[in-house]
Structure formats: C-alpha cells, structure tokens
Amino acid sequence: MDMTENKPTGRAVGGHAMSREKLTRALDDRNNPCVKEHNLTHQCLDRNNFDHAICRAYFENYKVCKKFWGDISLQRRRAGLKPYLPTPEERPAILLSKKL
C-alpha cells in the first residue's frame, strides 16, 4: 500500500477542522475584528451541547459583525486606503462614527 496517497485532508471526523495557522489568524484581532463574537459563539455551543438552535442569536451577531467589517474593508479598498481592514486601534473610532 502506498502511504503517499493517504495524506490528511484537513477535515476532522464529523466536521471541518481548520489548520493551526488558519485558526491562529482567525483568533487574532488584527486579522479578525469579530474575535469576541467568535469566542462567544463557541462558548454558547460548549455550554449548550452544540445545539445550534439555542445559539442562533450568537451566530447572527457574528454574521452581522463580519458583514459590517467586510463592508468597511470594501469601502477602504475602493478609496485606496490601506490596510483595507482597519487596525484594532482605528476600529473604536469607526464604530462610533457608524452608530445610528
């Protein structure tokens, strides 16, 4: 049997697994302004035996956060501002300016 054919696929049994590098980037607030929402979602899942229905509000909040910062990144890219994703130091001012 040729062992070169049995390379890991990056998927965990029964679900998806991130590479260590991707997970590190996802949990780094420089690359992901929604780390807090990410962590709250996972805490809810842990507390509620991974019942997604119970944690629906957390998922929705995370989705809103990702859309907000994705829209900000797109606006900055179109305006020629770099970095496209604002730094953690810039984000509070942006949040205040966008409050209704």
PDB file of N, CA and C in Angstrom:
ATOM      1  N   MET A   1       0.848  -1.187   0.000  1.00  0.00           N
ATOM      2  CA  MET A   1       0.000   0.000   0.000  1.00  0.00           C
ATOM      3  C   MET A   1       0.885   1.239   0.000  1.00  0.00           C
ATOM      4  N   ASP A   2       0.597   2.180  -0.868  1.00  0.00           N
ATOM      5  CA  ASP A   2       1.379   3.403  -0.995  1.00  0.00           C
ATOM      6  C   ASP A   2       0.861   4.431   0.001  1.00  0.00           C
ATOM      7  N   MET A   3       1.675   4.803   0.973  1.00  0.00           N
ATOM      8  CA  MET A   3       1.259   5.726   2.032  1.00  0.00           C
ATOM      9  C   MET A   3       1.162   7.165   1.546  1.00  0.00           C
ATOM     10  N   THR A   4       1.720   7.491   0.401  1.00  0.00           N
ATOM     11  CA  THR A   4       1.653   8.865  -0.100  1.00  0.00           C
ATOM     12  C   THR A   4       0.242   9.242  -0.511  1.00  0.00           C
ATOM     13  N   GLU A   5      -0.605   8.260  -0.751  1.00  0.00           N
ATOM     14  CA  GLU A   5      -1.980   8.543  -1.145  1.00  0.00           C
ATOM     15  C   GLU A   5      -2.859   8.890   0.045  1.00  0.00           C
ATOM     16  N   ASN A   6      -2.437   8.595   1.241  1.00  0.00           N
ATOM     17  CA  ASN A   6      -3.245   8.824   2.434  1.00  0.00           C
ATOM     18  C   ASN A   6      -2.833  10.100   3.147  1.00  0.00           C
ATOM     19  N   LYS A   7      -2.825  11.194   2.417  1.00  0.00           N
ATOM     20  CA  LYS A   7      -2.466  12.479   3.012  1.00  0.00           C
ATOM     21  C   LYS A   7      -3.661  13.025   3.779  1.00  0.00           C
ATOM     22  N   PRO A   8      -3.408  13.743   4.886  1.00  0.00           N
ATOM     23  CA  PRO A   8      -4.516  14.332   5.636  1.00  0.00           C
ATOM     24  C   PRO A   8      -5.269  15.337   4.765  1.00  0.00           C
ATOM     25  N   THR A   9      -6.568  15.378   4.923  1.00  0.00           N
ATOM     26  CA  THR A   9      -7.394  16.275   4.126  1.00  0.00           C
ATOM     27  C   THR A   9      -7.662  17.590   4.826  1.00  0.00           C
ATOM     28  N   GLY A  10      -7.293  17.700   6.102  1.00  0.00           N
ATOM     29  CA  GLY A  10      -7.578  18.925   6.831  1.00  0.00           C
ATOM     30  C   GLY A  10      -8.964  18.931   7.443  1.00  0.00           C
ATOM     31  N   ARG A  11      -9.675  17.835   7.325  1.00  0.00           N
ATOM     32  CA  ARG A  11     -11.021  17.751   7.897  1.00  0.00           C
ATOM     33  C   ARG A  11     -11.011  16.807   9.082  1.00  0.00           C
ATOM     34  N   ALA A  12     -11.748  17.184  10.093  1.00  0.00           N
ATOM     35  CA  ALA A  12     -11.875  16.324  11.265  1.00  0.00           C
ATOM     36  C   ALA A  12     -13.020  15.352  11.019  1.00  0.00           C
ATOM     37  N   VAL A  13     -13.038  14.284  11.735  1.00  0.00           N
ATOM     38  CA  VAL A  13     -14.122  13.312  11.628  1.00  0.00           C
ATOM     39  C   VAL A  13     -15.417  13.999  12.051  1.00  0.00           C
ATOM     40  N   GLY A  14     -16.412  13.966  11.202  1.00  0.00           N
ATOM     41  CA  GLY A  14     -17.713  14.521  11.542  1.00  0.00           C
ATOM     42  C   GLY A  14     -17.819  16.027  11.383  1.00  0.00           C
ATOM     43  N   GLY A  15     -16.830  16.687  10.835  1.00  0.00           N
ATOM     44  CA  GLY A  15     -16.931  18.136  10.681  1.00  0.00           C
ATOM     45  C   GLY A  15     -15.715  18.707   9.998  1.00  0.00           C
ATOM     46  N   HIS A  16     -15.597  19.994  10.098  1.00  0.00           N
ATOM     47  CA  HIS A  16     -14.488  20.684   9.451  1.00  0.00           C
ATOM     48  C   HIS A  16     -13.456  21.063  10.500  1.00  0.00           C
ATOM     49  N   ALA A  17     -12.210  20.959  10.129  1.00  0.00           N
ATOM     50  CA  ALA A  17     -11.128  21.371  11.014  1.00  0.00           C
ATOM     51  C   ALA A  17     -10.284  22.410  10.295  1.00  0.00           C
ATOM     52  N   MET A  18      -9.881  23.432  11.019  1.00  0.00           N
ATOM     53  CA  MET A  18      -9.008  24.453  10.457  1.00  0.00           C
ATOM     54  C   MET A  18      -7.567  24.054  10.685  1.00  0.00           C
ATOM     55  N   SER A  19      -6.715  24.488   9.795  1.00  0.00           N
ATOM     56  CA  SER A  19      -5.295  24.286  10.046  1.00  0.00           C
ATOM     57  C   SER A  19      -4.911  25.160  11.232  1.00  0.00           C
ATOM     58  N   ARG A  20      -3.844  24.817  11.882  1.00  0.00           N
ATOM     59  CA  ARG A  20      -3.391  25.587  13.043  1.00  0.00           C
ATOM     60  C   ARG A  20      -3.130  27.040  12.655  1.00  0.00           C
ATOM     61  N   GLU A  21      -2.566  27.254  11.477  1.00  0.00           N
ATOM     62  CA  GLU A  21      -2.268  28.610  11.015  1.00  0.00           C
ATOM     63  C   GLU A  21      -3.546  29.413  10.807  1.00  0.00           C
ATOM     64  N   LYS A  22      -4.552  28.806  10.159  1.00  0.00           N
ATOM     65  CA  LYS A  22      -5.820  29.496   9.939  1.00  0.00           C
ATOM     66  C   LYS A  22      -6.515  29.806  11.257  1.00  0.00           C
ATOM     67  N   LEU A  23      -6.486  28.867  12.180  1.00  0.00           N
ATOM     68  CA  LEU A  23      -7.119  29.077  13.471  1.00  0.00           C
ATOM     69  C   LEU A  23      -6.436  30.210  14.216  1.00  0.00           C
ATOM     70  N   THR A  24      -5.118  30.249  14.172  1.00  0.00           N
ATOM     71  CA  THR A  24      -4.376  31.322  14.833  1.00  0.00           C
ATOM     72  C   THR A  24      -4.751  32.668  14.236  1.00  0.00           C
ATOM     73  N   ARG A  25      -4.841  32.747  12.903  1.00  0.00           N
ATOM     74  CA  ARG A  25      -5.222  34.005  12.257  1.00  0.00           C
ATOM     75  C   ARG A  25      -6.651  34.388  12.611  1.00  0.00           C
ATOM     76  N   ALA A  26      -7.550  33.416  12.672  1.00  0.00           N
ATOM     77  CA  ALA A  26      -8.955  33.690  12.966  1.00  0.00           C
ATOM     78  C   ALA A  26      -9.142  34.228  14.375  1.00  0.00           C
ATOM     79  N   LEU A  27      -8.262  33.836  15.285  1.00  0.00           N
ATOM     80  CA  LEU A  27      -8.389  34.267  16.674  1.00  0.00           C
ATOM     81  C   LEU A  27      -7.506  35.469  16.992  1.00  0.00           C
ATOM     82  N   ASP A  28      -6.911  36.068  15.977  1.00  0.00           N
ATOM     83  CA  ASP A  28      -6.048  37.231  16.139  1.00  0.00           C
ATOM     84  C   ASP A  28      -6.860  38.468  15.776  1.00  0.00           C
ATOM     85  N   ASP A  29      -7.023  39.403  16.719  1.00  0.00           N
ATOM     86  CA  ASP A  29      -7.880  40.555  16.446  1.00  0.00           C
ATOM     87  C   ASP A  29      -7.316  41.493  15.382  1.00  0.00           C
ATOM     88  N   ARG A  30      -6.063  41.352  15.012  1.00  0.00           N
ATOM     89  CA  ARG A  30      -5.531  42.167  13.908  1.00  0.00           C
ATOM     90  C   ARG A  30      -6.135  41.718  12.586  1.00  0.00           C
ATOM     91  N   ASN A  31      -6.441  40.427  12.464  1.00  0.00           N
ATOM     92  CA  ASN A  31      -6.981  39.867  11.226  1.00  0.00           C
ATOM     93  C   ASN A  31      -8.480  39.630  11.285  1.00  0.00           C
ATOM     94  N   ASN A  32      -9.039  39.586  12.474  1.00  0.00           N
ATOM     95  CA  ASN A  32     -10.454  39.282  12.639  1.00  0.00           C
ATOM     96  C   ASN A  32     -11.047  40.207  13.697  1.00  0.00           C
ATOM     97  N   PRO A  33     -11.737  41.261  13.267  1.00  0.00           N
ATOM     98  CA  PRO A  33     -12.319  42.190  14.236  1.00  0.00           C
ATOM     99  C   PRO A  33     -13.488  41.584  15.013  1.00  0.00           C
ATOM    100  N   CYS A  34     -13.902  40.385  14.657  1.00  0.00           N
ATOM    101  CA  CYS A  34     -15.046  39.742  15.304  1.00  0.00           C
ATOM    102  C   CYS A  34     -14.619  38.599  16.214  1.00  0.00           C
ATOM    103  N   VAL A  35     -13.415  38.675  16.760  1.00  0.00           N
ATOM    104  CA  VAL A  35     -12.916  37.614  17.640  1.00  0.00           C
ATOM    105  C   VAL A  35     -13.824  37.447  18.855  1.00  0.00           C
ATOM    106  N   LYS A  36     -14.271  38.554  19.423  1.00  0.00           N
ATOM    107  CA  LYS A  36     -15.142  38.472  20.605  1.00  0.00           C
ATOM    108  C   LYS A  36     -16.418  37.699  20.271  1.00  0.00           C
ATOM    109  N   GLU A  37     -17.036  38.028  19.152  1.00  0.00           N
ATOM    110  CA  GLU A  37     -18.261  37.348  18.738  1.00  0.00           C
ATOM    111  C   GLU A  37     -17.986  35.877  18.425  1.00  0.00           C
ATOM    112  N   HIS A  38     -16.847  35.606  17.834  1.00  0.00           N
ATOM    113  CA  HIS A  38     -16.431  34.232  17.549  1.00  0.00           C
ATOM    114  C   HIS A  38     -16.341  33.431  18.847  1.00  0.00           C
ATOM    115  N   ASN A  39     -15.659  33.998  19.827  1.00  0.00           N
ATOM    116  CA  ASN A  39     -15.488  33.304  21.107  1.00  0.00           C
ATOM    117  C   ASN A  39     -16.814  33.107  21.832  1.00  0.00           C
ATOM    118  N   LEU A  40     -17.679  34.124  21.806  1.00  0.00           N
ATOM    119  CA  LEU A  40     -18.985  33.997  22.462  1.00  0.00           C
ATOM    120  C   LEU A  40     -19.827  32.902  21.810  1.00  0.00           C
ATOM    121  N   THR A  41     -19.756  32.800  20.489  1.00  0.00           N
ATOM    122  CA  THR A  41     -20.485  31.757  19.773  1.00  0.00           C
ATOM    123  C   THR A  41     -20.020  30.377  20.212  1.00  0.00           C
ATOM    124  N   HIS A  42     -18.710  30.196  20.283  1.00  0.00           N
ATOM    125  CA  HIS A  42     -18.176  28.890  20.685  1.00  0.00           C
ATOM    126  C   HIS A  42     -18.468  28.580  22.154  1.00  0.00           C
ATOM    127  N   GLN A  43     -18.463  29.596  22.999  1.00  0.00           N
ATOM    128  CA  GLN A  43     -18.810  29.374  24.404  1.00  0.00           C
ATOM    129  C   GLN A  43     -20.258  28.932  24.529  1.00  0.00           C
ATOM    130  N   CYS A  44     -21.142  29.552  23.749  1.00  0.00           N
ATOM    131  CA  CYS A  44     -22.553  29.156  23.766  1.00  0.00           C
ATOM    132  C   CYS A  44     -22.700  27.707  23.318  1.00  0.00           C
ATOM    133  N   LEU A  45     -22.015  27.343  22.248  1.00  0.00           N
ATOM    134  CA  LEU A  45     -22.085  25.963  21.768  1.00  0.00           C
ATOM    135  C   LEU A  45     -21.573  24.986  22.823  1.00  0.00           C
ATOM    136  N   ASP A  46     -20.478  25.330  23.469  1.00  0.00           N
ATOM    137  CA  ASP A  46     -19.925  24.462  24.521  1.00  0.00           C
ATOM    138  C   ASP A  46     -20.913  24.292  25.672  1.00  0.00           C
ATOM    139  N   ARG A  47     -21.553  25.394  26.078  1.00  0.00           N
ATOM    140  CA  ARG A  47     -22.491  25.349  27.210  1.00  0.00           C
ATOM    141  C   ARG A  47     -23.762  24.571  26.878  1.00  0.00           C
ATOM    142  N   ASN A  48     -24.134  24.568  25.606  1.00  0.00           N
ATOM    143  CA  ASN A  48     -25.430  24.010  25.196  1.00  0.00           C
ATOM    144  C   ASN A  48     -25.304  22.756  24.339  1.00  0.00           C
ATOM    145  N   ASN A  49     -24.259  21.993  24.576  1.00  0.00           N
ATOM    146  CA  ASN A  49     -24.074  20.708  23.902  1.00  0.00           C
ATOM    147  C   ASN A  49     -24.169  20.838  22.378  1.00  0.00           C
ATOM    148  N   PHE A  50     -23.597  21.914  21.850  1.00  0.00           N
ATOM    149  CA  PHE A  50     -23.527  22.182  20.414  1.00  0.00           C
ATOM    150  C   PHE A  50     -24.893  22.225  19.734  1.00  0.00           C
ATOM    151  N   ASP A  51     -25.893  22.719  20.463  1.00  0.00           N
ATOM    152  CA  ASP A  51     -27.229  22.914  19.902  1.00  0.00           C
ATOM    153  C   ASP A  51     -27.252  24.278  19.205  1.00  0.00           C
ATOM    154  N   HIS A  52     -27.185  24.250  17.888  1.00  0.00           N
ATOM    155  CA  HIS A  52     -27.107  25.489  17.117  1.00  0.00           C
ATOM    156  C   HIS A  52     -28.366  26.339  17.264  1.00  0.00           C
ATOM    157  N   ALA A  53     -29.506  25.727  17.458  1.00  0.00           N
ATOM    158  CA  ALA A  53     -30.749  26.482  17.590  1.00  0.00           C
ATOM    159  C   ALA A  53     -30.716  27.393  18.811  1.00  0.00           C
ATOM    160  N   ILE A  54     -30.159  26.911  19.902  1.00  0.00           N
ATOM    161  CA  ILE A  54     -30.077  27.716  21.124  1.00  0.00           C
ATOM    162  C   ILE A  54     -29.138  28.905  20.921  1.00  0.00           C
ATOM    163  N   CYS A  55     -28.113  28.721  20.112  1.00  0.00           N
ATOM    164  CA  CYS A  55     -27.078  29.748  19.922  1.00  0.00           C
ATOM    165  C   CYS A  55     -27.315  30.605  18.679  1.00  0.00           C
ATOM    166  N   ARG A  56     -28.493  30.541  18.120  1.00  0.00           N
ATOM    167  CA  ARG A  56     -28.795  31.256  16.880  1.00  0.00           C
ATOM    168  C   ARG A  56     -28.477  32.749  16.975  1.00  0.00           C
ATOM    169  N   ALA A  57     -28.801  33.386  18.093  1.00  0.00           N
ATOM    170  CA  ALA A  57     -28.539  34.825  18.244  1.00  0.00           C
ATOM    171  C   ALA A  57     -27.043  35.123  18.179  1.00  0.00           C
ATOM    172  N   TYR A  58     -26.230  34.238  18.738  1.00  0.00           N
ATOM    173  CA  TYR A  58     -24.780  34.423  18.685  1.00  0.00           C
ATOM    174  C   TYR A  58     -24.269  34.298  17.249  1.00  0.00           C
ATOM    175  N   PHE A  59     -24.804  33.328  16.505  1.00  0.00           N
ATOM    176  CA  PHE A  59     -24.415  33.170  15.110  1.00  0.00           C
ATOM    177  C   PHE A  59     -24.811  34.404  14.303  1.00  0.00           C
ATOM    178  N   GLU A  60     -26.005  34.899  14.552  1.00  0.00           N
ATOM    179  CA  GLU A  60     -26.481  36.078  13.827  1.00  0.00           C
ATOM    180  C   GLU A  60     -25.613  37.295  14.144  1.00  0.00           C
ATOM    181  N   ASN A  61     -25.267  37.471  15.412  1.00  0.00           N
ATOM    182  CA  ASN A  61     -24.418  38.591  15.805  1.00  0.00           C
ATOM    183  C   ASN A  61     -23.054  38.503  15.124  1.00  0.00           C
ATOM    184  N   TYR A  62     -22.490  37.307  15.066  1.00  0.00           N
ATOM    185  CA  TYR A  62     -21.200  37.106  14.403  1.00  0.00           C
ATOM    186  C   TYR A  62     -21.309  37.439  12.913  1.00  0.00           C
ATOM    187  N   LYS A  63     -22.411  37.005  12.293  1.00  0.00           N
ATOM    188  CA  LYS A  63     -22.616  37.268  10.872  1.00  0.00           C
ATOM    189  C   LYS A  63     -22.737  38.776  10.604  1.00  0.00           C
ATOM    190  N   VAL A  64     -23.449  39.490  11.478  1.00  0.00           N
ATOM    191  CA  VAL A  64     -23.594  40.938  11.336  1.00  0.00           C
ATOM    192  C   VAL A  64     -22.234  41.621  11.487  1.00  0.00           C
ATOM    193  N   CYS A  65     -21.458  41.168  12.453  1.00  0.00           N
ATOM    194  CA  CYS A  65     -20.122  41.725  12.673  1.00  0.00           C
ATOM    195  C   CYS A  65     -19.250  41.531  11.435  1.00  0.00           C
ATOM    196  N   LYS A  66     -19.217  40.307  10.906  1.00  0.00           N
ATOM    197  CA  LYS A  66     -18.387  40.022   9.736  1.00  0.00           C
ATOM    198  C   LYS A  66     -18.831  40.857   8.528  1.00  0.00           C
ATOM    199  N   LYS A  67     -20.147  41.027   8.352  1.00  0.00           N
ATOM    200  CA  LYS A  67     -20.648  41.830   7.238  1.00  0.00           C
ATOM    201  C   LYS A  67     -20.250  43.290   7.414  1.00  0.00           C
ATOM    202  N   PHE A  68     -20.392  43.821   8.633  1.00  0.00           N
ATOM    203  CA  PHE A  68     -20.037  45.214   8.893  1.00  0.00           C
ATOM    204  C   PHE A  68     -18.579  45.479   8.520  1.00  0.00           C
ATOM    205  N   TRP A  69     -17.663  44.655   9.054  1.00  0.00           N
ATOM    206  CA  TRP A  69     -16.239  44.889   8.798  1.00  0.00           C
ATOM    207  C   TRP A  69     -15.861  44.533   7.364  1.00  0.00           C
ATOM    208  N   GLY A  70     -16.582  43.624   6.739  1.00  0.00           N
ATOM    209  CA  GLY A  70     -16.361  43.346   5.319  1.00  0.00           C
ATOM    210  C   GLY A  70     -16.738  44.549   4.463  1.00  0.00           C
ATOM    211  N   ASP A  71     -17.853  45.199   4.814  1.00  0.00           N
ATOM    212  CA  ASP A  71     -18.272  46.408   4.100  1.00  0.00           C
ATOM    213  C   ASP A  71     -17.265  47.541   4.303  1.00  0.00           C
ATOM    214  N   ILE A  72     -16.758  47.689   5.524  1.00  0.00           N
ATOM    215  CA  ILE A  72     -15.749  48.717   5.809  1.00  0.00           C
ATOM    216  C   ILE A  72     -14.496  48.444   4.981  1.00  0.00           C
ATOM    217  N   SER A  73     -14.070  47.194   4.927  1.00  0.00           N
ATOM    218  CA  SER A  73     -12.881  46.834   4.139  1.00  0.00           C
ATOM    219  C   SER A  73     -13.085  47.155   2.658  1.00  0.00           C
ATOM    220  N   LEU A  74     -14.269  46.856   2.147  1.00  0.00           N
ATOM    221  CA  LEU A  74     -14.572  47.137   0.746  1.00  0.00           C
ATOM    222  C   LEU A  74     -14.533  48.642   0.476  1.00  0.00           C
ATOM    223  N   GLN A  75     -15.133  49.437   1.369  1.00  0.00           N
ATOM    224  CA  GLN A  75     -15.113  50.896   1.216  1.00  0.00           C
ATOM    225  C   GLN A  75     -13.680  51.425   1.214  1.00  0.00           C
ATOM    226  N   ARG A  76     -12.860  50.916   2.129  1.00  0.00           N
ATOM    227  CA  ARG A  76     -11.469  51.363   2.217  1.00  0.00           C
ATOM    228  C   ARG A  76     -10.682  50.945   0.972  1.00  0.00           C
ATOM    229  N   ARG A  77     -10.931  49.756   0.471  1.00  0.00           N
ATOM    230  CA  ARG A  77     -10.245  49.291  -0.738  1.00  0.00           C
ATOM    231  C   ARG A  77     -10.601  50.190  -1.915  1.00  0.00           C
ATOM    232  N   ARG A  78     -11.891  50.508  -2.053  1.00  0.00           N
ATOM    233  CA  ARG A  78     -12.335  51.371  -3.154  1.00  0.00           C
ATOM    234  C   ARG A  78     -11.760  52.777  -3.037  1.00  0.00           C
ATOM    235  N   ALA A  79     -11.557  53.233  -1.786  1.00  0.00           N
ATOM    236  CA  ALA A  79     -11.000  54.567  -1.551  1.00  0.00           C
ATOM    237  C   ALA A  79      -9.472  54.569  -1.608  1.00  0.00           C
ATOM    238  N   GLY A  80      -8.867  53.408  -1.767  1.00  0.00           N
ATOM    239  CA  GLY A  80      -7.417  53.312  -1.832  1.00  0.00           C
ATOM    240  C   GLY A  80      -6.734  53.396  -0.478  1.00  0.00           C
ATOM    241  N   LEU A  81      -7.486  53.172   0.596  1.00  0.00           N
ATOM    242  CA  LEU A  81      -6.910  53.211   1.944  1.00  0.00           C
ATOM    243  C   LEU A  81      -6.336  51.855   2.306  1.00  0.00           C
ATOM    244  N   LYS A  82      -5.148  51.861   2.871  1.00  0.00           N
ATOM    245  CA  LYS A  82      -4.529  50.620   3.342  1.00  0.00           C
ATOM    246  C   LYS A  82      -4.121  50.800   4.782  1.00  0.00           C
ATOM    247  N   PRO A  83      -4.212  49.791   5.589  1.00  0.00           N
ATOM    248  CA  PRO A  83      -4.697  48.460   5.249  1.00  0.00           C
ATOM    249  C   PRO A  83      -6.207  48.486   5.033  1.00  0.00           C
ATOM    250  N   TYR A  84      -6.682  47.554   4.240  1.00  0.00           N
ATOM    251  CA  TYR A  84      -8.113  47.512   3.948  1.00  0.00           C
ATOM    252  C   TYR A  84      -8.922  47.275   5.213  1.00  0.00           C
ATOM    253  N   LEU A  85      -8.464  46.373   6.039  1.00  0.00           N
ATOM    254  CA  LEU A  85      -9.110  46.131   7.328  1.00  0.00           C
ATOM    255  C   LEU A  85      -8.468  47.071   8.336  1.00  0.00           C
ATOM    256  N   PRO A  86      -9.248  47.955   8.958  1.00  0.00           N
ATOM    257  CA  PRO A  86      -8.665  48.898   9.913  1.00  0.00           C
ATOM    258  C   PRO A  86      -7.941  48.172  11.045  1.00  0.00           C
ATOM    259  N   THR A  87      -6.926  48.818  11.567  1.00  0.00           N
ATOM    260  CA  THR A  87      -6.180  48.247  12.685  1.00  0.00           C
ATOM    261  C   THR A  87      -7.060  48.244  13.928  1.00  0.00           C
ATOM    262  N   PRO A  88      -6.738  47.413  14.906  1.00  0.00           N
ATOM    263  CA  PRO A  88      -7.526  47.400  16.147  1.00  0.00           C
ATOM    264  C   PRO A  88      -7.619  48.776  16.804  1.00  0.00           C
ATOM    265  N   GLU A  89      -6.594  49.597  16.644  1.00  0.00           N
ATOM    266  CA  GLU A  89      -6.611  50.938  17.235  1.00  0.00           C
ATOM    267  C   GLU A  89      -7.589  51.872  16.523  1.00  0.00           C
ATOM    268  N   GLU A  90      -7.817  51.669  15.231  1.00  0.00           N
ATOM    269  CA  GLU A  90      -8.729  52.507  14.446  1.00  0.00           C
ATOM    270  C   GLU A  90     -10.196  52.121  14.621  1.00  0.00           C
ATOM    271  N   ARG A  91     -10.450  50.902  14.991  1.00  0.00           N
ATOM    272  CA  ARG A  91     -11.823  50.374  14.979  1.00  0.00           C
ATOM    273  C   ARG A  91     -12.796  51.078  15.917  1.00  0.00           C
ATOM    274  N   PRO A  92     -12.416  51.431  17.152  1.00  0.00           N
ATOM    275  CA  PRO A  92     -13.395  52.116  18.008  1.00  0.00           C
ATOM    276  C   PRO A  92     -13.921  53.412  17.392  1.00  0.00           C
ATOM    277  N   ALA A  93     -13.054  54.194  16.759  1.00  0.00           N
ATOM    278  CA  ALA A  93     -13.497  55.437  16.128  1.00  0.00           C
ATOM    279  C   ALA A  93     -14.454  55.149  14.976  1.00  0.00           C
ATOM    280  N   ILE A  94     -14.187  54.104  14.216  1.00  0.00           N
ATOM    281  CA  ILE A  94     -15.069  53.734  13.100  1.00  0.00           C
ATOM    282  C   ILE A  94     -16.426  53.290  13.632  1.00  0.00           C
ATOM    283  N   LEU A  95     -16.416  52.493  14.691  1.00  0.00           N
ATOM    284  CA  LEU A  95     -17.684  52.054  15.292  1.00  0.00           C
ATOM    285  C   LEU A  95     -18.500  53.247  15.774  1.00  0.00           C
ATOM    286  N   LEU A  96     -17.842  54.207  16.420  1.00  0.00           N
ATOM    287  CA  LEU A  96     -18.552  55.396  16.906  1.00  0.00           C
ATOM    288  C   LEU A  96     -19.113  56.214  15.750  1.00  0.00           C
ATOM    289  N   SER A  97     -18.375  56.327  14.666  1.00  0.00           N
ATOM    290  CA  SER A  97     -18.841  57.124  13.531  1.00  0.00           C
ATOM    291  C   SER A  97     -20.010  56.463  12.803  1.00  0.00           C
ATOM    292  N   LYS A  98     -20.159  55.155  12.929  1.00  0.00           N
ATOM    293  CA  LYS A  98     -21.222  54.418  12.239  1.00  0.00           C
ATOM    294  C   LYS A  98     -22.453  54.186  13.105  1.00  0.00           C
ATOM    295  N   LYS A  99     -22.382  54.570  14.391  1.00  0.00           N
ATOM    296  CA  LYS A  99     -23.545  54.361  15.268  1.00  0.00           C
ATOM    297  C   LYS A  99     -24.720  55.192  14.789  1.00  0.00           C
ATOM    298  N   LEU A 100     -25.897  54.620  14.885  1.00  0.00           N
ATOM    299  CA  LEU A 100     -27.116  55.325  14.446  1.00  0.00           C
ATOM    300  C   LEU A 100     -27.658  56.203  15.532  1.00  0.00           C
TER     301      LEU A 100
END
